[in-house]
Amino acid sequence: MNGRKARALNRRRQERNEQLLAEALKDEPQLLEAFDTFELWQRGRFTFYLPVILDDLPDELKQALAAHRTATLEGACPLCTVDVSVSRKGLVVTRHEDACPGHPDRLVEIGERLGVEITRKA
C-alpha cells in the first residue's frame, strides 16, 4: 500500500471512529457489572472500566475520582476541558488537562500523598 492509500485508509478509519463516538455519546451509560473496587459500563459500542468511589476515601480523592468517572462516561469533566477521541485501535481516549485532579497521573499523585494505593489501568 502506498502512502496516499494508507493516509486515505487512516482518514476513513478515524472518521468512522469519530462517528461511533458521537453515536455512543447519544446513548445513556449503562452499568454492566459492579465489583468491589471497579465497575464495567457500556455506552454505545464502548465499554469502560471505572474505579468505584469508596465511602472511606478522603474527600479530595473522591472528588478527583468523580471527575475522572464523569469525564470518561459523559465526555466532559467538571474540573477541566477534556479531549475525547477514539484511537486507531478503537479505544476511547479521554485526555484531561495536566493539572486536573481527574487526570490519571494526578489521581496517582493524590493517592500517594494521602496514603491510598491507586492502581492505574491502561
C-alpha atoms as a PDB file:
ATOM      1  CA  MET A   1       0.000   0.000   0.000  1.00  0.00           C
ATOM      2  CA  ASN A   2       1.409   3.360  -0.952  1.00  0.00           C
ATOM      3  CA  GLY A   3       1.466   6.426   1.292  1.00  0.00           C
ATOM      4  CA  ARG A   4      -1.573   8.062  -0.303  1.00  0.00           C
ATOM      5  CA  LYS A   5      -3.730   4.957   0.126  1.00  0.00           C
ATOM      6  CA  ALA A   6      -2.536   4.469   3.701  1.00  0.00           C
ATOM      7  CA  ARG A   7      -3.398   8.080   4.592  1.00  0.00           C
ATOM      8  CA  ALA A   8      -6.830   7.730   2.983  1.00  0.00           C
ATOM      9  CA  LEU A   9      -7.463   4.497   4.897  1.00  0.00           C
ATOM     10  CA  ASN A  10      -6.398   6.119   8.175  1.00  0.00           C
ATOM     11  CA  ARG A  11      -8.621   9.118   7.466  1.00  0.00           C
ATOM     12  CA  ARG A  12     -11.653   6.867   6.783  1.00  0.00           C
ATOM     13  CA  ARG A  13     -10.929   4.829   9.915  1.00  0.00           C
ATOM     14  CA  GLN A  14     -10.657   7.985  12.027  1.00  0.00           C
ATOM     15  CA  GLU A  15     -13.890   9.419  10.568  1.00  0.00           C
ATOM     16  CA  ARG A  16     -15.674   6.126  11.307  1.00  0.00           C
ATOM     17  CA  ASN A  17     -14.327   6.061  14.875  1.00  0.00           C
ATOM     18  CA  GLU A  18     -15.407   9.654  15.490  1.00  0.00           C
ATOM     19  CA  GLN A  19     -18.882   8.814  14.162  1.00  0.00           C
ATOM     20  CA  LEU A  20     -19.085   5.804  16.501  1.00  0.00           C
ATOM     21  CA  LEU A  21     -18.073   8.022  19.424  1.00  0.00           C
ATOM     22  CA  ALA A  22     -20.695  10.655  18.540  1.00  0.00           C
ATOM     23  CA  GLU A  23     -23.357   7.935  18.352  1.00  0.00           C
ATOM     24  CA  ALA A  24     -22.210   6.428  21.664  1.00  0.00           C
ATOM     25  CA  LEU A  25     -22.409   9.797  23.430  1.00  0.00           C
ATOM     26  CA  LYS A  26     -26.101   9.947  22.470  1.00  0.00           C
ATOM     27  CA  ASP A  27     -26.750   6.698  24.375  1.00  0.00           C
ATOM     28  CA  GLU A  28     -27.163   6.615  28.131  1.00  0.00           C
ATOM     29  CA  PRO A  29     -24.323   4.889  30.010  1.00  0.00           C
ATOM     30  CA  GLN A  30     -25.397   1.504  31.350  1.00  0.00           C
ATOM     31  CA  LEU A  31     -23.809  -0.281  34.279  1.00  0.00           C
ATOM     32  CA  LEU A  32     -22.933  -3.810  33.164  1.00  0.00           C
ATOM     33  CA  GLU A  33     -21.420  -5.154  36.351  1.00  0.00           C
ATOM     34  CA  ALA A  34     -20.122  -3.871  39.673  1.00  0.00           C
ATOM     35  CA  PHE A  35     -17.248  -5.396  41.609  1.00  0.00           C
ATOM     36  CA  ASP A  36     -15.612  -4.400  44.900  1.00  0.00           C
ATOM     37  CA  THR A  37     -13.300  -1.738  43.502  1.00  0.00           C
ATOM     38  CA  PHE A  38     -14.367  -1.223  39.891  1.00  0.00           C
ATOM     39  CA  GLU A  39     -17.368  -1.190  37.576  1.00  0.00           C
ATOM     40  CA  LEU A  40     -17.891  -2.065  33.934  1.00  0.00           C
ATOM     41  CA  TRP A  41     -20.027   0.408  31.985  1.00  0.00           C
ATOM     42  CA  GLN A  42     -21.323   0.368  28.415  1.00  0.00           C
ATOM     43  CA  ARG A  43     -22.057   3.389  26.277  1.00  0.00           C
ATOM     44  CA  GLY A  44     -22.917   2.593  22.692  1.00  0.00           C
ATOM     45  CA  ARG A  45     -20.300   0.167  21.388  1.00  0.00           C
ATOM     46  CA  PHE A  46     -17.757   1.159  24.005  1.00  0.00           C
ATOM     47  CA  THR A  47     -17.089  -0.498  27.365  1.00  0.00           C
ATOM     48  CA  PHE A  48     -15.428   1.382  30.226  1.00  0.00           C
ATOM     49  CA  TYR A  49     -13.584   0.084  33.285  1.00  0.00           C
ATOM     50  CA  LEU A  50     -14.019   2.611  36.115  1.00  0.00           C
ATOM     51  CA  PRO A  51     -12.965   2.751  39.755  1.00  0.00           C
ATOM     52  CA  VAL A  52     -15.640   2.688  42.454  1.00  0.00           C
ATOM     53  CA  ILE A  53     -15.662   5.689  44.786  1.00  0.00           C
ATOM     54  CA  LEU A  54     -15.459   4.020  48.183  1.00  0.00           C
ATOM     55  CA  ASP A  55     -17.057   5.731  51.189  1.00  0.00           C
ATOM     56  CA  ASP A  56     -13.896   5.608  53.311  1.00  0.00           C
ATOM     57  CA  LEU A  57     -11.725   7.521  50.809  1.00  0.00           C
ATOM     58  CA  PRO A  58     -10.584  11.066  51.619  1.00  0.00           C
ATOM     59  CA  ASP A  59     -12.823  13.761  50.132  1.00  0.00           C
ATOM     60  CA  GLU A  60     -10.077  15.119  47.867  1.00  0.00           C
ATOM     61  CA  LEU A  61      -9.627  11.702  46.279  1.00  0.00           C
ATOM     62  CA  LYS A  62     -13.393  11.187  45.994  1.00  0.00           C
ATOM     63  CA  GLN A  63     -13.717  14.474  44.081  1.00  0.00           C
ATOM     64  CA  ALA A  64     -10.839  13.568  41.753  1.00  0.00           C
ATOM     65  CA  LEU A  65     -12.304  10.112  41.090  1.00  0.00           C
ATOM     66  CA  ALA A  66     -15.726  11.633  40.448  1.00  0.00           C
ATOM     67  CA  ALA A  67     -14.196  13.994  37.852  1.00  0.00           C
ATOM     68  CA  HIS A  68     -12.384  11.071  36.224  1.00  0.00           C
ATOM     69  CA  ARG A  69     -15.550   8.937  36.103  1.00  0.00           C
ATOM     70  CA  THR A  70     -17.723  11.789  34.796  1.00  0.00           C
ATOM     71  CA  ALA A  71     -15.253  12.643  32.052  1.00  0.00           C
ATOM     72  CA  THR A  72     -14.981   9.019  30.976  1.00  0.00           C
ATOM     73  CA  LEU A  73     -18.720   8.350  30.899  1.00  0.00           C
ATOM     74  CA  GLU A  74     -20.043  11.747  29.804  1.00  0.00           C
ATOM     75  CA  GLY A  75     -17.201  13.120  27.675  1.00  0.00           C
ATOM     76  CA  ALA A  76     -16.972  16.259  29.824  1.00  0.00           C
ATOM     77  CA  CYS A  77     -15.069  16.916  33.046  1.00  0.00           C
ATOM     78  CA  PRO A  78     -16.464  19.259  35.724  1.00  0.00           C
ATOM     79  CA  LEU A  79     -12.923  20.446  36.551  1.00  0.00           C
ATOM     80  CA  CYS A  80     -11.239  20.954  33.156  1.00  0.00           C
ATOM     81  CA  THR A  81     -11.650  20.803  29.421  1.00  0.00           C
ATOM     82  CA  VAL A  82     -11.152  17.238  28.199  1.00  0.00           C
ATOM     83  CA  ASP A  83     -10.319  15.971  24.751  1.00  0.00           C
ATOM     84  CA  VAL A  84     -12.211  12.787  23.913  1.00  0.00           C
ATOM     85  CA  SER A  85     -11.253  10.798  20.849  1.00  0.00           C
ATOM     86  CA  VAL A  86     -11.101   7.262  19.539  1.00  0.00           C
ATOM     87  CA  SER A  87      -7.715   5.706  18.885  1.00  0.00           C
ATOM     88  CA  ARG A  88      -6.869   3.824  15.724  1.00  0.00           C
ATOM     89  CA  LYS A  89      -7.449   0.631  17.701  1.00  0.00           C
ATOM     90  CA  GLY A  90     -10.988   1.761  18.532  1.00  0.00           C
ATOM     91  CA  LEU A  91     -10.370   2.697  22.179  1.00  0.00           C
ATOM     92  CA  VAL A  92     -11.945   5.805  23.684  1.00  0.00           C
ATOM     93  CA  VAL A  93      -9.217   8.136  24.940  1.00  0.00           C
ATOM     94  CA  THR A  94     -10.140  10.857  27.440  1.00  0.00           C
ATOM     95  CA  ARG A  95      -7.377  13.423  27.998  1.00  0.00           C
ATOM     96  CA  HIS A  96      -7.710  15.778  30.949  1.00  0.00           C
ATOM     97  CA  GLU A  97      -5.670  18.955  31.265  1.00  0.00           C
ATOM     98  CA  ASP A  98      -2.384  18.128  33.012  1.00  0.00           C
ATOM     99  CA  ALA A  99      -3.253  19.916  36.258  1.00  0.00           C
ATOM    100  CA  CYS A 100      -6.750  18.407  36.575  1.00  0.00           C
ATOM    101  CA  PRO A 101      -7.238  16.138  39.619  1.00  0.00           C
ATOM    102  CA  GLY A 102      -9.181  13.762  37.351  1.00  0.00           C
ATOM    103  CA  HIS A 103      -6.087  13.174  35.182  1.00  0.00           C
ATOM    104  CA  PRO A 104      -4.858   9.601  35.848  1.00  0.00           C
ATOM    105  CA  ASP A 105      -1.377  10.801  36.798  1.00  0.00           C
ATOM    106  CA  ARG A 106      -2.837  13.326  39.265  1.00  0.00           C
ATOM    107  CA  LEU A 107      -5.060  10.584  40.757  1.00  0.00           C
ATOM    108  CA  VAL A 108      -1.959   8.504  41.467  1.00  0.00           C
ATOM    109  CA  GLU A 109      -0.183  11.535  42.985  1.00  0.00           C
ATOM    110  CA  ILE A 110      -3.178  12.373  45.197  1.00  0.00           C
ATOM    111  CA  GLY A 111      -3.408   8.754  46.317  1.00  0.00           C
ATOM    112  CA  GLU A 112       0.304   8.627  47.162  1.00  0.00           C
ATOM    113  CA  ARG A 113       0.109  11.894  49.096  1.00  0.00           C
ATOM    114  CA  LEU A 114      -2.927  10.665  51.056  1.00  0.00           C
ATOM    115  CA  GLY A 115      -1.549   7.157  51.591  1.00  0.00           C
ATOM    116  CA  VAL A 116      -4.108   5.445  49.341  1.00  0.00           C
ATOM    117  CA  GLU A 117      -2.884   2.988  46.734  1.00  0.00           C
ATOM    118  CA  ILE A 118      -4.135   3.807  43.256  1.00  0.00           C
ATOM    119  CA  THR A 119      -3.680   1.141  40.599  1.00  0.00           C
ATOM    120  CA  ARG A 120      -3.718   2.585  37.128  1.00  0.00           C
ATOM    121  CA  LYS A 121      -5.271   0.544  34.351  1.00  0.00           C
ATOM    122  CA  ALA A 122      -4.344   1.274  30.753  1.00  0.00           C
END
